[in-house]
Structure formats: structure tokens, C-alpha cells
Amino acid sequence: MLKQSLQYKLLQKLSPQQIQLMKLIQLPTQAFEQRLKQELEENPALESGKENVDDYDNSQIDNDYDETGNESISAEDINIDEYLSDDEIPNYKTQTNNYSSDDEDKHIPYASGTSFTQHLKNQIHTYRLNDDEEIITDFLIGSIDESGYIRRDLEDILDDLAFTQGIFTTQEELERLLKIVQDLDPAGVGARDLKECLLIQLKRKEEHPSRNLAINILENSFDHFVKKHYSKLTQKFHVSENELKEAIKQIEKLNPKPGGSYVGNNKLAEQIVPDFTIRIVEGELELTLNSRNAPELHISKEYNDLLQGYKDTKDKSKSQKDAVVFIKQKLDAAKWFIDAIKQRQQTLLLNMNAIMHHQKEYFLTGDERKLKPMILKDIADAIDMDVSTVSRVANSKYVTTPYGTKLIKEFFSESMKNDQGEDVSTIEIKNILASVIKKEDKKKPLTDDKLSNLLKEKGYPIARRTVAKYREQLDIPVARLRKEI
């Protein structure tokens, strides 16, 4: 026998609007400007810039959504008067921008010039090559990544040439043409690994004993060089430490990523646009939001006039009714977007204000030793928001301080106790660790065990594995790889 029963479940679901708001909060300034531009292009009911408030009648727009979040309306459901009332200026028309938009340059610089690939093709086309050779060299150039390397096996490239270009060639011919590609600028481009990249660059240099020794080392003892087994190198090549040192200097001057040296390779000029500014005014901290994050938006007056025309028409056609439903949808979307931007501004300011006050001593002095331990939950509890919201703000936003422009997440750190039982930031410990390593004798670099003992002497009792973790986070290699002659 079938049994019927009722079950109650409490589910928390984010509406499409809430999801969009979270995405807006996460966007850094430049990406936010692109999102704003996209919305203005897609929604004709939304306009930017200042407008004459006296000529504006729209004050309130009500959303009508069914349970799924989709609009469910007809022309008869719309109260046109609600869209045309002129009681007061809409609150979403007021600006949350707390300083002049003229304070900043709103133009984003783009890198000009040709792409890295086109730069290489322009060079190869100056060589005398037949049609098949041109296709093959262009194909090889197309296989070069942004670092300047060809990471694919030549056998795979041979197969691709046969299947996609209808060109059948030999591996010997392909290697001959690859040598031509490797003659292009910047030096080292087209290499298949680091060793080949460095050798290509060295062989372009003038003849010199240290240059010749460097080539010999890379060709015959690359592993010893990488592992910094200097004593083995001096014995194998019968050279003094000074001669080896000069050869290593030759190698250190080379570029391991030749593609990165080409400016035109960057599609967008790298520029950090801070979302906040913190100033010290008469001994107190002052926080402002970048005006790029507070655009002037309003709803189109033309759409307001269209609704007025619909209201004044006695005999309403089907096309007019369809038009007013479309207008209603666009107006609702415009109002939601304006409200979402306002919420975004308030959320950003609320988060940054809490961070600023938590790290007040640091922002007043610039002394990193004054940075307090701070985790996402500390700020989330202080402003009564979810940890994920604080994370979205911290991970993608920058703040300009009297001591430089910083990524906000850099102010967050775990806490550890020193030998006096006081909570100290792991940032402070990492800075001390970096300082100790910088001052070490590079002929005998300190192991993680010795670093741990030194930190304990300075009052920071941390284990060797913790030292190793912090060292890796600081992108500092192990002792063996820090060794110098």
C-alpha cells in the first residue's frame, strides 16, 4: 500500500539578482567599468551622466516576479501612474560618490602596436622562403606561447601540418626551419626548453672566455648548474672560482622568458586602479571610494515619455501593449542595476572602513610591525556580513595609502604567539624571515633548521616545517639553490 506523507524543508536559495550583486561586488574597478558599459549598451532605459532633475517624473518602479524569479506581467497589470508620479526625486538618483569624479582619470590605457605573434611573422616574411616554408614557419610561430617557447613535440607539429595544412615534410626539414624562427628577435624565442633558450641567447653574444665557458657548462653540465654544484663544475672544467663566477654572471644576464620582454604581447596595459584611498587628515584616517565605482546613472526620460504617451492613448493596440511590457522590463532592470551599484558602493565602503579601523596603527604609521593579526571572520563579525562577501572585497580590490598602493588581502594574516605570549601577525614573522635570509652568507646559506633556531632566538618559536611554509610563500628557494660563489 502506498503511503502519503508531508515533508517540510527549509532551503536557502539566492535569487538571480543576489547572485548578480555578488558578482558586481567581486569586480575590480576596471572590470566593473566594462560591466557598466555592457549594461548601458544592452539596456536603453539606463543612461549615464548628469540630467536635469526638474524635467524628470519617474519616482518608483515596482517589480512583479513569479516564484521562479521570472517576470510574469501583461500590459493590464501595469499601473502606469506608479511610473509617472512626480512626488520626489528617486532615492536611487542620489549619488553615493563621496568626492569629485574629476579627481581621477577615467581612461584606461591600452597597449598599442602589433601582437607578439604578428611581430614574429613580420620578421619571418623578410626571409626568402617558398610558399610551403612560409606556411610551416608561420605555423611554428603560431605554436609559440606567451613566454616565447614551443612546448609541443615536433612530431605533433608534423602531424598537424599534414592534417590541417596538407603539407607533408620531414622532421629534419622542420628542425631546419625552426632554426630560422629561433634567429628572430627577441633572442631565445622559439626554444623548446630553458636550456635551449639560454644557449640561443649566449651564442648571439661576442666571443669571450666567460661566454664560451657558460656555453660549455649549459651544454655539458646543465644539471650541475641548475643544482648549483659549483665545486663539481670547477673540477670538471678545470677553472677557478672567479672564472666560474664570471661565466655564471653571463648566464644570469639572460632572459628565461623572451616572450615576456615584448611590450606588444600585453593586450591591456597593466595598470592598478585603486578602489579606495586612505589619507591622514589632521592625525585621523579618511577613507574615500574611487569615483569610478560611483557612476552617475539615471533612467531614460525618453522611456518616461513613452509611458506617458501610452497612458494618454484611448484605443491601445496590441503592439502598444507589447511595447509597454517591454518598457516595463527594461525599467525594472535599470532600477535594479542602479540599486545594485548603490549596494555595491555601500558594501565596499563598509568592508574597507572596518579593515581600516582594525589596522589603524599601521595606516597611521606605515610600520608593518603594527599590522595586527586579522582574518576574514574578524571583519565579517564586525560588520555583520558573510565571510564570502568580505573575501570578494579583499581578494580583488586595491587601496592607495600614504605608503603605496596595496592589495587589500595583504592586510590579512594569521596570528602566532611570541615567546612573551603576545599575538603577532604572521606578516611580521615573514618579514623577519626574509630579512634574515637576505643577510645570510650566500656561500653557506642557512637551512630551514638553522632559520628556525634563529627565529626562536629572536622570540618567535616556530617549527622548521612552518619556516619552510613561510619561505615558500615568500617565493624563496631552499638553501642549496640560494648558494652563490
Protein backbone atom coordinates (compact mmCIF):
# COMPACT_ATOMS: atom_id res chain seq x y z
CA MET A 1 0.00 0.00 0.00
CA LEU A 2 1.27 3.42 -0.93
CA LYS A 3 1.74 5.83 1.93
CA GLN A 4 1.44 9.56 1.62
CA SER A 5 3.37 11.90 3.84
CA LEU A 6 4.31 15.56 4.03
CA GLN A 7 7.85 16.75 4.45
CA TYR A 8 8.92 20.30 5.24
CA LYS A 9 12.29 21.55 4.09
CA LEU A 10 13.88 24.92 4.69
CA LEU A 11 16.08 25.79 1.72
CA GLN A 12 18.10 28.93 1.22
CA LYS A 13 18.25 29.98 -2.42
CA LEU A 14 19.89 33.06 -3.85
CA SER A 15 17.80 34.98 -6.34
CA PRO A 16 19.33 35.86 -9.73
CA GLN A 17 19.56 39.47 -8.51
CA GLN A 18 21.53 38.47 -5.40
CA ILE A 19 23.94 36.41 -7.50
CA GLN A 20 24.47 39.35 -9.86
CA LEU A 21 25.10 41.64 -6.90
CA MET A 22 27.77 39.29 -5.53
CA LYS A 23 29.44 39.28 -8.93
CA LEU A 24 29.39 43.09 -9.04
CA ILE A 25 30.97 43.30 -5.58
CA GLN A 26 33.78 40.99 -6.66
CA LEU A 27 34.72 43.02 -9.75
CA PRO A 28 37.78 45.29 -9.52
CA THR A 29 37.45 48.83 -10.86
CA GLN A 30 38.42 48.25 -14.48
CA ALA A 31 36.26 45.12 -14.84
CA PHE A 32 33.39 46.99 -13.16
CA GLU A 33 33.67 49.78 -15.73
CA GLN A 34 33.44 47.20 -18.51
CA ARG A 35 30.36 45.64 -16.87
CA LEU A 36 28.79 49.09 -16.57
CA LYS A 37 29.49 49.81 -20.23
CA GLN A 38 27.92 46.49 -21.22
CA GLU A 39 24.74 47.21 -19.22
CA LEU A 40 24.42 50.68 -20.76
CA GLU A 41 24.71 49.17 -24.23
CA GLU A 42 22.18 46.40 -23.55
CA ASN A 43 19.54 48.41 -21.69
CA PRO A 44 18.27 51.54 -23.49
CA ALA A 45 16.29 52.53 -20.38
CA LEU A 46 19.54 53.13 -18.49
CA GLU A 47 21.61 56.24 -19.07
CA SER A 48 24.77 57.69 -17.57
CA GLY A 49 25.83 61.25 -16.83
CA LYS A 50 24.08 64.14 -15.21
CA GLU A 51 20.48 65.02 -16.02
CA ASN A 52 18.07 67.83 -15.32
CA VAL A 53 16.09 66.67 -12.28
CA ASP A 54 13.33 69.23 -12.90
CA ASP A 55 12.41 67.51 -16.17
CA TYR A 56 12.22 64.07 -14.63
CA ASP A 57 8.98 62.48 -13.44
CA ASN A 58 9.85 58.87 -12.69
CA SER A 59 9.99 58.08 -8.97
CA GLN A 60 9.16 54.48 -8.31
CA ILE A 61 9.20 51.20 -10.15
CA ASP A 62 7.71 48.07 -8.62
CA ASN A 63 8.95 44.60 -9.58
CA ASP A 64 6.41 41.87 -10.31
CA TYR A 65 8.06 38.46 -10.27
CA ASP A 66 6.67 34.97 -10.04
CA GLU A 67 8.16 32.36 -7.70
CA THR A 68 10.86 31.37 -10.18
CA GLY A 69 12.22 34.89 -10.43
CA ASN A 70 10.91 35.38 -13.99
CA GLU A 71 8.69 38.30 -14.92
CA SER A 72 5.02 37.44 -15.30
CA ILE A 73 3.06 40.51 -16.40
CA SER A 74 0.75 41.85 -19.05
CA ALA A 75 0.04 45.43 -20.10
CA GLU A 76 -3.13 45.48 -17.98
CA ASP A 77 -1.12 44.54 -14.85
CA ILE A 78 0.99 47.68 -15.06
CA ASN A 79 -0.05 50.73 -13.10
CA ILE A 80 1.29 53.45 -15.36
CA ASP A 81 0.75 56.13 -12.71
CA GLU A 82 3.34 54.47 -10.47
CA TYR A 83 5.88 55.05 -13.22
CA LEU A 84 4.85 58.64 -13.87
CA SER A 85 4.30 60.07 -10.38
CA ASP A 86 6.28 63.17 -9.50
CA ASP A 87 6.30 63.14 -5.72
CA GLU A 88 10.01 63.43 -5.09
CA ILE A 89 13.41 62.75 -6.53
CA PRO A 90 14.01 58.97 -6.53
CA ASN A 91 16.48 57.86 -3.87
CA TYR A 92 18.41 55.85 -6.44
CA LYS A 93 19.17 59.10 -8.27
CA THR A 94 21.18 60.49 -5.40
CA GLN A 95 24.91 59.91 -5.60
CA THR A 96 26.96 57.94 -3.08
CA ASN A 97 30.16 59.29 -4.59
CA ASN A 98 31.96 60.98 -1.71
CA TYR A 99 34.36 63.11 -3.73
CA SER A 100 34.52 64.64 -7.16
CA SER A 101 34.59 62.38 -10.18
CA ASP A 102 37.08 64.83 -11.68
CA ASP A 103 39.71 63.66 -9.19
CA GLU A 104 40.67 60.70 -11.33
CA ASP A 105 41.48 59.89 -14.92
CA LYS A 106 38.74 57.58 -16.13
CA HIS A 107 40.53 56.49 -19.29
CA ILE A 108 42.07 53.02 -19.30
CA PRO A 109 45.33 52.92 -21.27
CA TYR A 110 45.56 50.17 -23.86
CA ALA A 111 48.83 48.88 -25.22
CA SER A 112 49.33 49.93 -28.81
CA GLY A 113 51.22 48.15 -31.56
CA THR A 114 51.22 44.68 -33.05
CA SER A 115 50.82 41.43 -31.18
CA PHE A 116 53.81 39.27 -30.27
CA THR A 117 52.85 36.68 -32.92
CA GLN A 118 52.46 39.32 -35.61
CA HIS A 119 55.79 40.85 -34.59
CA LEU A 120 57.48 37.49 -35.28
CA LYS A 121 55.60 36.95 -38.56
CA ASN A 122 56.62 40.38 -39.78
CA GLN A 123 60.24 39.34 -39.31
CA ILE A 124 59.95 35.90 -40.91
CA HIS A 125 58.34 37.40 -44.01
CA THR A 126 61.59 39.26 -44.74
CA TYR A 127 63.32 35.90 -45.39
CA ARG A 128 63.37 34.31 -48.82
CA LEU A 129 61.14 31.29 -48.35
CA ASN A 130 58.95 29.34 -50.73
CA ASP A 131 55.20 29.01 -50.14
CA ASP A 132 55.41 25.78 -48.11
CA GLU A 133 58.28 27.10 -46.00
CA GLU A 134 56.31 30.26 -45.21
CA ILE A 135 53.30 28.20 -44.12
CA ILE A 136 55.50 25.98 -41.92
CA THR A 137 57.36 28.87 -40.27
CA ASP A 138 54.05 30.71 -39.68
CA PHE A 139 52.71 27.52 -38.12
CA LEU A 140 55.77 27.25 -35.86
CA ILE A 141 55.34 30.88 -34.81
CA GLY A 142 51.69 30.17 -34.05
CA SER A 143 52.84 27.38 -31.71
CA ILE A 144 54.96 29.78 -29.61
CA ASP A 145 53.40 30.60 -26.23
CA GLU A 146 53.41 33.98 -24.49
CA SER A 147 56.71 33.16 -22.75
CA GLY A 148 58.40 32.61 -26.12
CA TYR A 149 58.62 28.79 -26.02
CA ILE A 150 57.40 26.00 -28.29
CA ARG A 151 56.14 23.45 -25.79
CA ARG A 152 54.85 20.91 -28.33
CA ASP A 153 56.82 17.98 -29.75
CA LEU A 154 57.92 18.43 -33.34
CA GLU A 155 56.24 15.11 -34.20
CA ASP A 156 52.88 16.56 -33.13
CA ILE A 157 53.52 19.66 -35.22
CA LEU A 158 54.36 17.46 -38.21
CA ASP A 159 51.00 15.67 -37.83
CA ASP A 160 49.11 18.95 -37.51
CA LEU A 161 50.77 20.35 -40.63
CA ALA A 162 49.68 17.27 -42.57
CA PHE A 163 46.09 17.24 -41.31
CA THR A 164 45.33 20.97 -41.17
CA GLN A 165 47.57 22.44 -43.87
CA GLY A 166 48.02 19.49 -46.20
CA ILE A 167 51.80 19.90 -46.01
CA PHE A 168 53.96 16.79 -45.62
CA THR A 169 57.54 17.39 -44.54
CA THR A 170 60.30 15.67 -42.58
CA GLN A 171 61.46 16.26 -39.03
CA GLU A 172 64.87 17.32 -40.37
CA GLU A 173 63.27 19.99 -42.55
CA LEU A 174 61.09 21.13 -39.66
CA GLU A 175 64.14 21.50 -37.41
CA ARG A 176 65.94 23.48 -40.13
CA LEU A 177 63.03 25.92 -40.35
CA LEU A 178 62.81 26.05 -36.55
CA LYS A 179 66.42 27.30 -36.51
CA ILE A 180 65.31 30.18 -38.75
CA VAL A 181 62.49 31.01 -36.32
CA GLN A 182 65.00 30.91 -33.46
CA ASP A 183 67.05 33.57 -35.27
CA LEU A 184 64.20 36.07 -34.78
CA ASP A 185 64.06 38.71 -32.08
CA PRO A 186 63.80 38.70 -29.12
CA ALA A 187 66.74 36.34 -28.68
CA GLY A 188 65.74 32.95 -27.31
CA VAL A 189 62.30 32.86 -28.91
CA GLY A 190 61.19 29.51 -30.33
CA ALA A 191 63.23 27.46 -27.83
CA ARG A 192 61.81 24.15 -26.68
CA ASP A 193 63.17 24.30 -23.14
CA LEU A 194 65.12 26.59 -20.82
CA LYS A 195 68.50 25.12 -21.75
CA GLU A 196 67.96 25.76 -25.46
CA CYS A 197 66.61 29.26 -24.72
CA LEU A 198 69.73 30.26 -22.77
CA LEU A 199 72.08 28.74 -25.34
CA ILE A 200 70.43 30.62 -28.21
CA GLN A 201 70.99 33.89 -26.35
CA LEU A 202 74.58 33.10 -25.39
CA LYS A 203 75.57 32.13 -28.94
CA ARG A 204 74.49 35.57 -30.15
CA LYS A 205 76.97 37.24 -27.82
CA GLU A 206 80.53 38.12 -28.82
CA GLU A 207 83.33 35.61 -28.32
CA HIS A 208 84.71 35.82 -24.77
CA PRO A 209 86.26 33.25 -22.39
CA SER A 210 83.43 33.61 -19.83
CA ARG A 211 80.80 33.39 -22.59
CA ASN A 212 82.46 30.25 -24.02
CA LEU A 213 82.66 28.67 -20.57
CA ALA A 214 78.99 29.46 -19.96
CA ILE A 215 78.03 27.70 -23.21
CA ASN A 216 80.19 24.71 -22.26
CA ILE A 217 78.53 24.49 -18.83
CA LEU A 218 75.00 24.60 -20.25
CA GLU A 219 75.71 22.11 -22.99
CA ASN A 220 77.59 19.56 -20.87
CA SER A 221 76.66 20.11 -17.20
CA PHE A 222 73.23 21.74 -17.16
CA ASP A 223 72.03 19.65 -14.18
CA HIS A 224 75.07 20.58 -12.08
CA PHE A 225 74.49 24.24 -12.93
CA VAL A 226 70.79 24.11 -12.01
CA LYS A 227 71.53 22.36 -8.71
CA LYS A 228 74.37 24.82 -8.02
CA HIS A 229 77.01 22.13 -7.58
CA TYR A 230 79.77 24.70 -8.10
CA SER A 231 82.62 22.57 -6.75
CA LYS A 232 81.82 19.85 -9.31
CA LEU A 233 81.79 22.46 -12.09
CA THR A 234 85.20 23.88 -11.16
CA GLN A 235 86.66 20.35 -11.08
CA LYS A 236 85.07 19.23 -14.35
CA PHE A 237 86.07 22.27 -16.40
CA HIS A 238 89.38 22.91 -14.58
CA VAL A 239 88.59 26.55 -13.83
CA SER A 240 88.97 28.78 -10.79
CA GLU A 241 86.06 30.06 -8.72
CA ASN A 242 86.47 33.53 -10.24
CA GLU A 243 86.31 32.14 -13.78
CA LEU A 244 83.20 30.16 -12.88
CA LYS A 245 81.70 33.24 -11.26
CA GLU A 246 82.17 35.27 -14.46
CA ALA A 247 80.56 32.51 -16.54
CA ILE A 248 77.57 32.36 -14.20
CA LYS A 249 77.18 36.14 -14.45
CA GLN A 250 76.88 35.74 -18.22
CA ILE A 251 74.03 33.26 -17.73
CA GLU A 252 72.27 35.35 -15.08
CA LYS A 253 72.02 38.27 -17.52
CA LEU A 254 69.93 36.19 -19.94
CA ASN A 255 66.14 36.31 -20.19
CA PRO A 256 64.47 32.97 -19.32
CA LYS A 257 61.15 34.20 -20.78
CA PRO A 258 61.95 36.10 -24.00
CA GLY A 259 58.29 36.45 -24.95
CA GLY A 260 57.60 38.46 -21.82
CA SER A 261 60.07 41.14 -22.93
CA TYR A 262 57.89 42.14 -25.88
CA VAL A 263 55.64 45.03 -24.79
CA GLY A 264 53.14 44.43 -27.60
CA ASN A 265 52.44 40.98 -26.14
CA ASN A 266 50.23 42.57 -23.48
CA LYS A 267 46.70 43.07 -24.70
CA LEU A 268 45.93 45.53 -21.95
CA ALA A 269 48.46 47.78 -20.31
CA GLU A 270 48.93 46.60 -16.77
CA GLN A 271 47.62 49.30 -14.52
CA ILE A 272 46.39 49.03 -10.97
CA VAL A 273 43.38 51.24 -10.39
CA PRO A 274 42.80 51.54 -6.63
CA ASP A 275 39.24 51.17 -5.40
CA PHE A 276 39.85 53.19 -2.22
CA THR A 277 42.09 55.94 -0.95
CA ILE A 278 43.16 56.35 2.68
CA ARG A 279 44.56 59.72 3.70
CA ILE A 280 45.76 61.08 7.02
CA VAL A 281 43.99 64.37 7.73
CA GLU A 282 44.96 66.15 10.96
CA GLY A 283 46.06 62.90 12.54
CA GLU A 284 42.90 61.00 11.60
CA LEU A 285 42.27 58.49 8.83
CA GLU A 286 39.99 59.48 5.97
CA LEU A 287 38.57 56.83 3.62
CA THR A 288 37.20 57.62 0.16
CA LEU A 289 35.82 55.42 -2.60
CA ASN A 290 37.23 55.83 -6.09
CA SER A 291 34.66 57.82 -8.09
CA ARG A 292 34.91 55.25 -10.89
CA ASN A 293 32.98 52.97 -8.56
CA ALA A 294 30.23 55.57 -8.13
CA PRO A 295 28.93 56.35 -11.63
CA GLU A 296 26.09 58.79 -12.26
CA LEU A 297 23.20 56.71 -13.59
CA HIS A 298 19.55 57.50 -14.21
CA ILE A 299 16.57 56.11 -16.05
CA SER A 300 15.95 57.40 -19.57
CA LYS A 301 13.47 60.30 -19.81
CA GLU A 302 12.50 59.05 -23.26
CA TYR A 303 11.12 55.88 -21.72
CA ASN A 304 9.17 58.02 -19.26
CA ASP A 305 7.68 59.92 -22.23
CA LEU A 306 6.77 56.65 -23.96
CA LEU A 307 4.76 55.57 -20.92
CA GLN A 308 3.03 58.95 -20.80
CA GLY A 309 2.08 58.57 -24.47
CA TYR A 310 0.68 55.10 -23.81
CA LYS A 311 -1.39 56.42 -20.89
CA ASP A 312 -2.86 59.25 -22.97
CA THR A 313 -3.85 56.93 -25.82
CA LYS A 314 -7.52 55.87 -25.60
CA ASP A 315 -7.51 52.99 -28.10
CA LYS A 316 -4.50 50.87 -27.27
CA SER A 317 -3.31 48.49 -29.98
CA LYS A 318 -1.70 45.10 -29.34
CA SER A 319 1.68 46.43 -30.49
CA GLN A 320 1.43 49.29 -27.99
CA LYS A 321 0.60 46.84 -25.21
CA ASP A 322 3.58 44.68 -26.16
CA ALA A 323 5.76 47.78 -26.18
CA VAL A 324 4.72 48.85 -22.69
CA VAL A 325 5.52 45.36 -21.33
CA PHE A 326 8.98 45.63 -22.93
CA ILE A 327 9.43 49.09 -21.42
CA LYS A 328 8.39 47.77 -18.01
CA GLN A 329 11.01 45.01 -18.20
CA LYS A 330 13.77 47.44 -19.17
CA LEU A 331 12.78 49.94 -16.48
CA ASP A 332 12.78 47.22 -13.82
CA ALA A 333 16.20 46.04 -14.96
CA ALA A 334 17.56 49.60 -14.96
CA LYS A 335 16.26 50.30 -11.46
CA TRP A 336 17.67 47.04 -10.16
CA PHE A 337 21.08 47.78 -11.68
CA ILE A 338 21.17 51.26 -10.16
CA ASP A 339 20.18 49.86 -6.76
CA ALA A 340 22.75 47.07 -7.09
CA ILE A 341 25.52 49.59 -7.77
CA LYS A 342 24.45 51.58 -4.73
CA GLN A 343 24.56 48.41 -2.59
CA ARG A 344 27.97 47.61 -4.08
CA GLN A 345 29.31 51.02 -3.05
CA GLN A 346 27.92 50.68 0.47
CA THR A 347 29.33 47.15 0.83
CA LEU A 348 32.79 48.19 -0.35
CA LEU A 349 32.92 51.18 1.99
CA LEU A 350 31.61 49.17 4.94
CA ASN A 351 34.25 46.46 4.47
CA MET A 352 37.16 48.81 3.89
CA ASN A 353 36.17 51.04 6.79
CA ALA A 354 36.22 48.03 9.15
CA ILE A 355 39.63 46.93 7.80
CA MET A 356 40.99 50.47 8.15
CA HIS A 357 39.95 50.72 11.80
CA HIS A 358 41.23 47.23 12.61
CA GLN A 359 44.65 48.17 11.20
CA LYS A 360 44.53 51.81 12.32
CA GLU A 361 48.02 51.82 13.82
CA TYR A 362 49.54 50.58 10.59
CA PHE A 363 47.72 53.12 8.40
CA LEU A 364 48.80 55.94 10.70
CA THR A 365 52.47 54.91 10.86
CA GLY A 366 53.23 52.65 7.87
CA ASP A 367 55.13 50.34 10.21
CA GLU A 368 54.36 46.75 9.18
CA ARG A 369 55.16 45.62 12.71
CA LYS A 370 51.96 47.40 13.69
CA LEU A 371 49.84 45.13 11.48
CA LYS A 372 47.53 43.14 13.72
CA PRO A 373 46.56 39.53 13.09
CA MET A 374 43.32 39.70 11.08
CA ILE A 375 41.29 37.01 9.38
CA LEU A 376 38.19 37.33 7.19
CA LYS A 377 35.93 36.31 10.07
CA ASP A 378 37.13 39.25 12.18
CA ILE A 379 35.83 41.72 9.62
CA ALA A 380 32.71 39.67 8.83
CA ASP A 381 31.75 39.68 12.53
CA ALA A 382 32.46 43.40 12.88
CA ILE A 383 30.14 44.41 10.02
CA ASP A 384 27.66 41.51 10.36
CA MET A 385 28.25 40.17 6.85
CA ASP A 386 29.10 36.77 5.43
CA VAL A 387 32.78 35.77 5.23
CA SER A 388 32.39 35.16 1.48
CA THR A 389 31.41 38.81 0.96
CA VAL A 390 34.50 40.04 2.81
CA SER A 391 36.60 37.64 0.75
CA ARG A 392 35.20 39.05 -2.51
CA VAL A 393 36.22 42.55 -1.45
CA ALA A 394 39.65 41.60 -0.10
CA ASN A 395 40.82 39.40 -2.96
CA SER A 396 40.26 41.79 -5.85
CA LYS A 397 40.46 45.35 -4.52
CA TYR A 398 43.33 47.79 -4.03
CA VAL A 399 43.72 50.73 -1.68
CA THR A 400 46.03 53.72 -2.03
CA THR A 401 47.70 54.59 1.26
CA PRO A 402 50.37 57.15 2.20
CA TYR A 403 52.80 54.22 1.90
CA GLY A 404 51.84 52.97 -1.57
CA THR A 405 49.04 51.08 -3.28
CA LYS A 406 48.30 47.73 -1.64
CA LEU A 407 46.14 44.70 -2.38
CA ILE A 408 43.67 44.56 0.49
CA LYS A 409 44.16 40.86 1.17
CA GLU A 410 47.78 41.64 2.12
CA PHE A 411 46.48 43.12 5.38
CA PHE A 412 45.05 39.75 6.42
CA SER A 413 47.19 37.27 8.31
CA GLU A 414 47.00 34.52 10.89
CA SER A 415 48.23 35.09 14.41
CA MET A 416 51.02 33.38 16.32
CA LYS A 417 52.27 33.86 19.85
CA ASN A 418 55.79 35.05 20.53
CA ASP A 419 57.87 33.93 23.49
CA GLN A 420 56.12 36.53 25.66
CA GLY A 421 52.67 35.12 24.91
CA GLU A 422 51.65 38.07 22.71
CA ASP A 423 49.73 37.60 19.48
CA VAL A 424 51.80 38.69 16.48
CA SER A 425 50.95 38.72 12.80
CA THR A 426 52.50 36.11 10.55
CA ILE A 427 53.33 39.03 8.23
CA GLU A 428 55.77 40.29 10.87
CA ILE A 429 57.39 36.85 11.12
CA LYS A 430 57.69 36.55 7.33
CA ASN A 431 59.36 39.96 7.12
CA ILE A 432 61.90 38.94 9.77
CA LEU A 433 62.49 35.64 7.96
CA ALA A 434 63.08 37.44 4.66
CA SER A 435 65.46 39.86 6.39
CA VAL A 436 67.49 37.02 7.95
CA ILE A 437 67.80 35.23 4.61
CA LYS A 438 68.83 38.46 2.88
CA LYS A 439 71.70 38.95 5.33
CA GLU A 440 72.93 35.32 5.30
CA ASP A 441 76.29 34.27 3.92
CA LYS A 442 75.40 33.21 0.36
CA LYS A 443 78.38 30.84 0.26
CA LYS A 444 76.80 28.94 3.17
CA PRO A 445 73.03 29.63 3.10
CA LEU A 446 71.01 28.85 6.19
CA THR A 447 68.95 25.66 6.24
CA ASP A 448 65.36 25.69 7.48
CA ASP A 449 66.52 24.17 10.79
CA LYS A 450 69.02 26.98 11.33
CA LEU A 451 66.44 29.59 10.34
CA SER A 452 64.02 28.09 12.86
CA ASN A 453 66.67 28.36 15.61
CA LEU A 454 67.45 31.98 14.68
CA LEU A 455 63.77 32.94 14.81
CA LYS A 456 63.46 31.28 18.22
CA GLU A 457 66.38 33.40 19.43
CA LYS A 458 64.51 36.48 18.22
CA GLY A 459 61.44 35.47 20.23
CA TYR A 460 59.41 33.64 17.60
CA PRO A 461 59.22 29.92 18.48
CA ILE A 462 58.16 28.33 15.19
CA ALA A 463 58.92 24.85 13.87
CA ARG A 464 61.12 24.01 10.89
CA ARG A 465 58.12 22.95 8.76
CA THR A 466 56.50 26.34 9.45
CA VAL A 467 59.68 28.09 8.36
CA ALA A 468 59.60 26.04 5.15
CA LYS A 469 55.97 27.02 4.55
CA TYR A 470 56.65 30.75 5.06
CA ARG A 471 59.78 30.57 2.90
CA GLU A 472 57.77 29.03 0.05
CA GLN A 473 55.07 31.68 0.45
CA LEU A 474 57.81 34.31 0.12
CA ASP A 475 58.98 32.53 -3.06
CA ILE A 476 62.44 31.93 -1.57
CA PRO A 477 64.19 28.72 -2.69
CA VAL A 478 65.80 26.15 -0.38
CA ALA A 479 69.30 26.76 0.98
CA ARG A 480 71.04 24.71 -1.74
CA LEU A 481 69.54 26.86 -4.50
CA ARG A 482 70.44 30.12 -2.74
CA LYS A 483 74.12 29.23 -2.78
CA GLU A 484 76.48 31.62 -4.57
CA ILE A 485 80.21 31.53 -5.23
